[in-house]
């Protein structure tokens, strides 16, 4: 039972860390490009944030798979 919770916690934690780093990169990149800060966080940028979520999920799946292979 502990192993199941450990794997879930690892998966959720790594997703959040990856998402935060990619999100910060997107925000800094868009602000550096001169985009209005209100637009970066608003609904106008929603497709960008959806893409960030999917990208974070894909990276997380690859990281977790590699970690599982290393532990075996």
C-alpha atoms as a PDB file:
ATOM      1  CA  UNK A   1       0.000   0.000   0.000  1.00  0.00           C
ATOM      2  CA  UNK A   2       2.828   2.413   0.812  1.00  0.00           C
ATOM      3  CA  UNK A   3       4.426   1.855  -2.586  1.00  0.00           C
ATOM      4  CA  UNK A   4       1.223   2.917  -4.368  1.00  0.00           C
ATOM      5  CA  UNK A   5       1.037   6.165  -2.422  1.00  0.00           C
ATOM      6  CA  UNK A   6       4.734   6.787  -2.928  1.00  0.00           C
ATOM      7  CA  UNK A   7       4.402   6.417  -6.707  1.00  0.00           C
ATOM      8  CA  UNK A   8       1.327   8.682  -6.821  1.00  0.00           C
ATOM      9  CA  UNK A   9       3.037  11.319  -4.672  1.00  0.00           C
ATOM     10  CA  UNK A  10       6.152  11.168  -6.825  1.00  0.00           C
ATOM     11  CA  UNK A  11       4.082  11.535  -9.997  1.00  0.00           C
ATOM     12  CA  UNK A  12       2.057  14.472  -8.703  1.00  0.00           C
ATOM     13  CA  UNK A  13       5.072  16.182  -7.175  1.00  0.00           C
ATOM     14  CA  UNK A  14       7.206  15.889 -10.284  1.00  0.00           C
ATOM     15  CA  UNK A  15       4.329  17.147 -12.453  1.00  0.00           C
ATOM     16  CA  UNK A  16       3.920  20.242 -10.268  1.00  0.00           C
ATOM     17  CA  UNK A  17       7.650  20.987 -10.319  1.00  0.00           C
ATOM     18  CA  UNK A  18       7.862  20.559 -14.101  1.00  0.00           C
ATOM     19  CA  UNK A  19       4.729  22.671 -14.599  1.00  0.00           C
ATOM     20  CA  UNK A  20       6.074  25.484 -12.404  1.00  0.00           C
ATOM     21  CA  UNK A  21       9.402  25.611 -14.239  1.00  0.00           C
ATOM     22  CA  UNK A  22       7.818  25.564 -17.701  1.00  0.00           C
ATOM     23  CA  UNK A  23       5.229  28.126 -16.561  1.00  0.00           C
ATOM     24  CA  UNK A  24       7.917  30.468 -15.256  1.00  0.00           C
ATOM     25  CA  UNK A  25       9.807  30.067 -18.512  1.00  0.00           C
ATOM     26  CA  UNK A  26       6.709  30.949 -20.531  1.00  0.00           C
ATOM     27  CA  UNK A  27       5.941  33.994 -18.370  1.00  0.00           C
ATOM     28  CA  UNK A  28       9.508  35.285 -18.496  1.00  0.00           C
ATOM     29  CA  UNK A  29       9.718  34.612 -22.228  1.00  0.00           C
ATOM     30  CA  UNK A  30       6.487  36.431 -23.031  1.00  0.00           C
ATOM     31  CA  UNK A  31       7.355  39.380 -20.802  1.00  0.00           C
ATOM     32  CA  UNK A  32      10.811  39.565 -22.376  1.00  0.00           C
ATOM     33  CA  UNK A  33       9.161  39.586 -25.798  1.00  0.00           C
ATOM     34  CA  UNK A  34       7.269  42.695 -24.713  1.00  0.00           C
ATOM     35  CA  UNK A  35       3.790  41.248 -24.288  1.00  0.00           C
ATOM     36  CA  UNK A  36       1.449  43.050 -21.920  1.00  0.00           C
ATOM     37  CA  UNK A  37       1.622  41.337 -18.464  1.00  0.00           C
ATOM     38  CA  UNK A  38      -2.166  41.344 -18.184  1.00  0.00           C
ATOM     39  CA  UNK A  39      -2.462  39.353 -21.411  1.00  0.00           C
ATOM     40  CA  UNK A  40       0.163  36.836 -20.322  1.00  0.00           C
ATOM     41  CA  UNK A  41      -1.941  35.667 -17.378  1.00  0.00           C
ATOM     42  CA  UNK A  42      -5.403  36.293 -18.812  1.00  0.00           C
ATOM     43  CA  UNK A  43      -7.839  34.274 -20.882  1.00  0.00           C
ATOM     44  CA  UNK A  44      -6.159  35.434 -24.101  1.00  0.00           C
ATOM     45  CA  UNK A  45      -3.202  33.171 -23.266  1.00  0.00           C
ATOM     46  CA  UNK A  46      -5.349  30.176 -22.299  1.00  0.00           C
ATOM     47  CA  UNK A  47      -4.233  28.066 -25.295  1.00  0.00           C
ATOM     48  CA  UNK A  48      -0.610  28.618 -24.272  1.00  0.00           C
ATOM     49  CA  UNK A  49      -1.350  27.440 -20.724  1.00  0.00           C
ATOM     50  CA  UNK A  50      -3.194  24.378 -22.009  1.00  0.00           C
ATOM     51  CA  UNK A  51      -0.147  23.549 -24.125  1.00  0.00           C
ATOM     52  CA  UNK A  52       2.074  23.995 -21.051  1.00  0.00           C
ATOM     53  CA  UNK A  53      -0.080  21.493 -19.140  1.00  0.00           C
ATOM     54  CA  UNK A  54       0.113  18.903 -21.934  1.00  0.00           C
ATOM     55  CA  UNK A  55       3.865  19.427 -22.303  1.00  0.00           C
ATOM     56  CA  UNK A  56       4.366  19.050 -18.549  1.00  0.00           C
ATOM     57  CA  UNK A  57       2.313  15.869 -18.549  1.00  0.00           C
ATOM     58  CA  UNK A  58       4.318  14.377 -21.426  1.00  0.00           C
ATOM     59  CA  UNK A  59       7.646  15.222 -19.782  1.00  0.00           C
ATOM     60  CA  UNK A  60       6.398  13.859 -16.464  1.00  0.00           C
ATOM     61  CA  UNK A  61       5.429  10.528 -18.031  1.00  0.00           C
ATOM     62  CA  UNK A  62       8.894  10.145 -19.544  1.00  0.00           C
ATOM     63  CA  UNK A  63      10.631  11.068 -16.280  1.00  0.00           C
ATOM     64  CA  UNK A  64       8.531   8.633 -14.261  1.00  0.00           C
ATOM     65  CA  UNK A  65       9.106   5.811 -16.783  1.00  0.00           C
ATOM     66  CA  UNK A  66      12.876   6.338 -16.651  1.00  0.00           C
ATOM     67  CA  UNK A  67      12.783   6.420 -12.859  1.00  0.00           C
ATOM     68  CA  UNK A  68      10.856   3.140 -12.721  1.00  0.00           C
ATOM     69  CA  UNK A  69      13.414   1.458 -14.963  1.00  0.00           C
ATOM     70  CA  UNK A  70      16.274   2.678 -12.796  1.00  0.00           C
ATOM     71  CA  UNK A  71      14.680   1.237  -9.643  1.00  0.00           C
ATOM     72  CA  UNK A  72      14.215  -2.259 -11.120  1.00  0.00           C
END
